[in-house]
Amino acid sequence: MAKQDCPLSKNLKKLREKKGLSQDRLAKLADIANNTIIKIEQGENINPRLYTLKKIAKALEVKVDDLINDSWYCEKCRGGGKL
């Protein structure tokens, strides 16, 4: 899978932007390193720990499945569903 094709990368960026959060602000809300958010969004880390995904999901007020599910990306991040 190419970096830009990773559902996690796409979903994280779209959800963060829809919430109006910077990468730094999301990292602070999730209590993780800013570099972690950057690497996930850039597709450099396509397999983060579940604990990390749970913290990000909680900060974004979504489920972990919402971060990793490709069909969810198509529906919600492109405007077909509610956040």
N, C-alpha and C. Protein backbone atom coordinates (compact mmCIF):
# COMPACT_ATOMS: atom_id res chain seq x y z
N MET A 1 0.85 -1.19 0.00
CA MET A 1 0.00 0.00 0.00
C MET A 1 0.89 1.24 0.00
N ALA A 2 0.64 2.14 -0.92
CA ALA A 2 1.41 3.38 -0.97
C ALA A 2 1.06 4.26 0.22
N LYS A 3 2.00 5.08 0.62
CA LYS A 3 1.79 5.94 1.77
C LYS A 3 0.49 6.73 1.68
N GLN A 4 0.23 7.33 0.55
CA GLN A 4 -0.94 8.19 0.40
C GLN A 4 -2.25 7.41 0.33
N ASP A 5 -2.18 6.05 0.15
CA ASP A 5 -3.37 5.23 0.05
C ASP A 5 -3.83 4.69 1.40
N CYS A 6 -3.10 4.93 2.44
CA CYS A 6 -3.42 4.38 3.75
C CYS A 6 -4.69 5.05 4.31
N PRO A 7 -5.73 4.26 4.57
CA PRO A 7 -6.96 4.84 5.12
C PRO A 7 -6.72 5.59 6.43
N LEU A 8 -5.86 5.06 7.28
CA LEU A 8 -5.57 5.71 8.55
C LEU A 8 -5.03 7.12 8.32
N SER A 9 -4.09 7.27 7.42
CA SER A 9 -3.51 8.58 7.13
C SER A 9 -4.57 9.56 6.65
N LYS A 10 -5.37 9.12 5.70
CA LYS A 10 -6.43 9.97 5.14
C LYS A 10 -7.46 10.34 6.20
N ASN A 11 -7.92 9.32 6.93
CA ASN A 11 -8.97 9.55 7.93
C ASN A 11 -8.50 10.48 9.03
N LEU A 12 -7.31 10.26 9.52
CA LEU A 12 -6.80 11.10 10.60
C LEU A 12 -6.73 12.56 10.16
N LYS A 13 -6.17 12.79 9.01
CA LYS A 13 -6.05 14.17 8.53
C LYS A 13 -7.41 14.82 8.31
N LYS A 14 -8.32 14.10 7.67
CA LYS A 14 -9.66 14.66 7.41
C LYS A 14 -10.41 14.94 8.70
N LEU A 15 -10.37 14.00 9.64
CA LEU A 15 -11.06 14.19 10.91
C LEU A 15 -10.47 15.36 11.69
N ARG A 16 -9.15 15.42 11.71
CA ARG A 16 -8.48 16.52 12.43
C ARG A 16 -8.87 17.86 11.84
N GLU A 17 -8.85 17.94 10.51
CA GLU A 17 -9.20 19.20 9.84
C GLU A 17 -10.67 19.55 10.05
N LYS A 18 -11.56 18.55 10.02
CA LYS A 18 -12.98 18.83 10.26
C LYS A 18 -13.23 19.36 11.66
N LYS A 19 -12.42 18.94 12.61
CA LYS A 19 -12.52 19.43 13.98
C LYS A 19 -11.81 20.77 14.15
N GLY A 20 -11.11 21.22 13.12
CA GLY A 20 -10.40 22.49 13.19
C GLY A 20 -9.16 22.45 14.07
N LEU A 21 -8.54 21.29 14.16
CA LEU A 21 -7.38 21.13 15.03
C LEU A 21 -6.08 21.10 14.23
N SER A 22 -5.05 21.71 14.78
CA SER A 22 -3.72 21.57 14.21
C SER A 22 -3.16 20.22 14.65
N GLN A 23 -2.10 19.79 14.01
CA GLN A 23 -1.45 18.55 14.43
C GLN A 23 -0.96 18.67 15.87
N ASP A 24 -0.40 19.81 16.19
CA ASP A 24 0.12 20.03 17.53
C ASP A 24 -0.99 19.99 18.58
N ARG A 25 -2.11 20.63 18.29
CA ARG A 25 -3.23 20.66 19.24
C ARG A 25 -3.80 19.25 19.44
N LEU A 26 -3.94 18.50 18.36
CA LEU A 26 -4.44 17.13 18.49
C LEU A 26 -3.49 16.29 19.33
N ALA A 27 -2.20 16.44 19.09
CA ALA A 27 -1.22 15.69 19.87
C ALA A 27 -1.34 16.01 21.35
N LYS A 28 -1.54 17.27 21.67
CA LYS A 28 -1.69 17.66 23.08
C LYS A 28 -2.97 17.09 23.67
N LEU A 29 -4.07 17.15 22.92
CA LEU A 29 -5.33 16.59 23.41
C LEU A 29 -5.24 15.08 23.62
N ALA A 30 -4.50 14.41 22.75
CA ALA A 30 -4.35 12.96 22.84
C ALA A 30 -3.22 12.55 23.77
N ASP A 31 -2.45 13.50 24.23
CA ASP A 31 -1.31 13.25 25.10
C ASP A 31 -0.30 12.30 24.45
N ILE A 32 0.04 12.63 23.20
CA ILE A 32 1.06 11.89 22.46
C ILE A 32 1.99 12.90 21.79
N ALA A 33 3.08 12.41 21.26
CA ALA A 33 4.05 13.29 20.61
C ALA A 33 3.49 13.83 19.29
N ASN A 34 3.75 15.09 19.03
CA ASN A 34 3.32 15.71 17.77
C ASN A 34 3.88 14.94 16.57
N ASN A 35 5.10 14.45 16.71
CA ASN A 35 5.74 13.70 15.64
C ASN A 35 4.94 12.43 15.29
N THR A 36 4.25 11.88 16.25
CA THR A 36 3.43 10.69 16.01
C THR A 36 2.29 11.03 15.05
N ILE A 37 1.62 12.14 15.29
CA ILE A 37 0.53 12.58 14.41
C ILE A 37 1.08 12.83 13.01
N ILE A 38 2.19 13.52 12.93
CA ILE A 38 2.80 13.84 11.63
C ILE A 38 3.13 12.56 10.86
N LYS A 39 3.77 11.62 11.52
CA LYS A 39 4.17 10.38 10.85
C LYS A 39 2.97 9.56 10.39
N ILE A 40 1.91 9.53 11.20
CA ILE A 40 0.71 8.79 10.79
C ILE A 40 0.08 9.46 9.58
N GLU A 41 -0.08 10.77 9.62
CA GLU A 41 -0.71 11.49 8.51
C GLU A 41 0.11 11.39 7.22
N GLN A 42 1.41 11.33 7.33
CA GLN A 42 2.27 11.23 6.15
C GLN A 42 2.41 9.79 5.67
N GLY A 43 1.83 8.85 6.38
CA GLY A 43 1.91 7.46 5.99
C GLY A 43 3.22 6.79 6.36
N GLU A 44 4.03 7.45 7.18
CA GLU A 44 5.30 6.87 7.60
C GLU A 44 5.09 5.86 8.73
N ASN A 45 4.00 5.99 9.45
CA ASN A 45 3.65 5.04 10.51
C ASN A 45 2.23 4.56 10.21
N ILE A 46 2.14 3.44 9.50
CA ILE A 46 0.81 2.92 9.13
C ILE A 46 0.33 1.84 10.09
N ASN A 47 1.12 1.56 11.12
CA ASN A 47 0.74 0.54 12.08
C ASN A 47 1.05 1.00 13.51
N PRO A 48 0.42 2.10 13.94
CA PRO A 48 0.67 2.57 15.31
C PRO A 48 0.06 1.60 16.33
N ARG A 49 0.50 1.70 17.55
CA ARG A 49 -0.02 0.86 18.63
C ARG A 49 -1.50 1.17 18.85
N LEU A 50 -2.23 0.15 19.28
CA LEU A 50 -3.65 0.32 19.56
C LEU A 50 -3.88 1.39 20.63
N TYR A 51 -3.01 1.41 21.62
CA TYR A 51 -3.11 2.41 22.68
C TYR A 51 -3.05 3.84 22.10
N THR A 52 -2.18 4.04 21.13
CA THR A 52 -2.05 5.34 20.48
C THR A 52 -3.32 5.68 19.71
N LEU A 53 -3.84 4.71 18.98
CA LEU A 53 -5.07 4.95 18.21
C LEU A 53 -6.24 5.27 19.13
N LYS A 54 -6.31 4.61 20.27
CA LYS A 54 -7.38 4.89 21.23
C LYS A 54 -7.29 6.31 21.75
N LYS A 55 -6.09 6.78 22.03
CA LYS A 55 -5.90 8.14 22.53
C LYS A 55 -6.29 9.17 21.46
N ILE A 56 -5.91 8.90 20.22
CA ILE A 56 -6.27 9.82 19.12
C ILE A 56 -7.77 9.83 18.91
N ALA A 57 -8.37 8.65 18.88
CA ALA A 57 -9.82 8.55 18.68
C ALA A 57 -10.58 9.29 19.79
N LYS A 58 -10.15 9.13 21.00
CA LYS A 58 -10.80 9.82 22.12
C LYS A 58 -10.70 11.34 21.96
N ALA A 59 -9.53 11.81 21.57
CA ALA A 59 -9.34 13.25 21.38
C ALA A 59 -10.21 13.80 20.25
N LEU A 60 -10.44 12.97 19.22
CA LEU A 60 -11.27 13.39 18.08
C LEU A 60 -12.75 13.08 18.29
N GLU A 61 -13.06 12.39 19.39
CA GLU A 61 -14.44 11.99 19.72
C GLU A 61 -15.02 11.07 18.65
N VAL A 62 -14.22 10.09 18.23
CA VAL A 62 -14.64 9.08 17.27
C VAL A 62 -14.20 7.71 17.79
N LYS A 63 -14.60 6.66 17.09
CA LYS A 63 -14.17 5.30 17.42
C LYS A 63 -12.87 5.00 16.68
N VAL A 64 -12.10 4.06 17.19
CA VAL A 64 -10.88 3.63 16.52
C VAL A 64 -11.22 3.15 15.11
N ASP A 65 -12.33 2.44 14.97
CA ASP A 65 -12.75 1.97 13.64
C ASP A 65 -12.89 3.12 12.66
N ASP A 66 -13.32 4.27 13.14
CA ASP A 66 -13.47 5.43 12.26
C ASP A 66 -12.13 5.90 11.72
N LEU A 67 -11.08 5.65 12.44
CA LEU A 67 -9.74 6.04 11.99
C LEU A 67 -9.18 5.08 10.95
N ILE A 68 -9.49 3.80 11.08
CA ILE A 68 -8.81 2.81 10.25
C ILE A 68 -9.65 2.23 9.12
N ASN A 69 -10.95 2.46 9.14
CA ASN A 69 -11.85 1.85 8.17
C ASN A 69 -11.87 2.62 6.86
N ASP A 70 -11.56 1.95 5.77
CA ASP A 70 -11.51 2.59 4.45
C ASP A 70 -12.89 3.02 3.97
N SER A 71 -13.92 2.21 4.18
CA SER A 71 -15.26 2.59 3.70
C SER A 71 -15.78 3.77 4.50
N TRP A 72 -15.41 3.85 5.79
CA TRP A 72 -15.82 5.00 6.59
C TRP A 72 -15.23 6.28 6.01
N TYR A 73 -13.99 6.22 5.58
CA TYR A 73 -13.35 7.39 4.98
C TYR A 73 -14.18 7.89 3.81
N CYS A 74 -14.56 6.99 2.95
CA CYS A 74 -15.31 7.38 1.77
C CYS A 74 -16.62 8.05 2.14
N GLU A 75 -17.28 7.54 3.16
CA GLU A 75 -18.59 8.07 3.55
C GLU A 75 -18.50 9.36 4.36
N LYS A 76 -17.80 9.32 5.47
CA LYS A 76 -17.82 10.45 6.40
C LYS A 76 -16.84 11.56 6.08
N CYS A 77 -15.62 11.22 5.69
CA CYS A 77 -14.63 12.26 5.45
C CYS A 77 -14.92 13.03 4.18
N ARG A 78 -15.66 12.46 3.30
CA ARG A 78 -16.01 13.17 2.06
C ARG A 78 -17.36 13.84 2.15
N GLY A 79 -17.94 13.88 3.35
CA GLY A 79 -19.16 14.65 3.55
C GLY A 79 -20.43 13.85 3.57
N GLY A 80 -20.37 12.52 3.50
CA GLY A 80 -21.58 11.72 3.45
C GLY A 80 -22.15 11.37 4.80
N GLY A 81 -21.43 11.66 5.86
CA GLY A 81 -21.92 11.30 7.19
C GLY A 81 -21.63 12.38 8.19
N LYS A 82 -22.23 12.23 9.35
CA LYS A 82 -22.05 13.22 10.41
C LYS A 82 -20.81 12.90 11.23
N LEU A 83 -20.18 13.92 11.73
CA LEU A 83 -19.07 13.75 12.66
C LEU A 83 -19.54 14.08 14.04
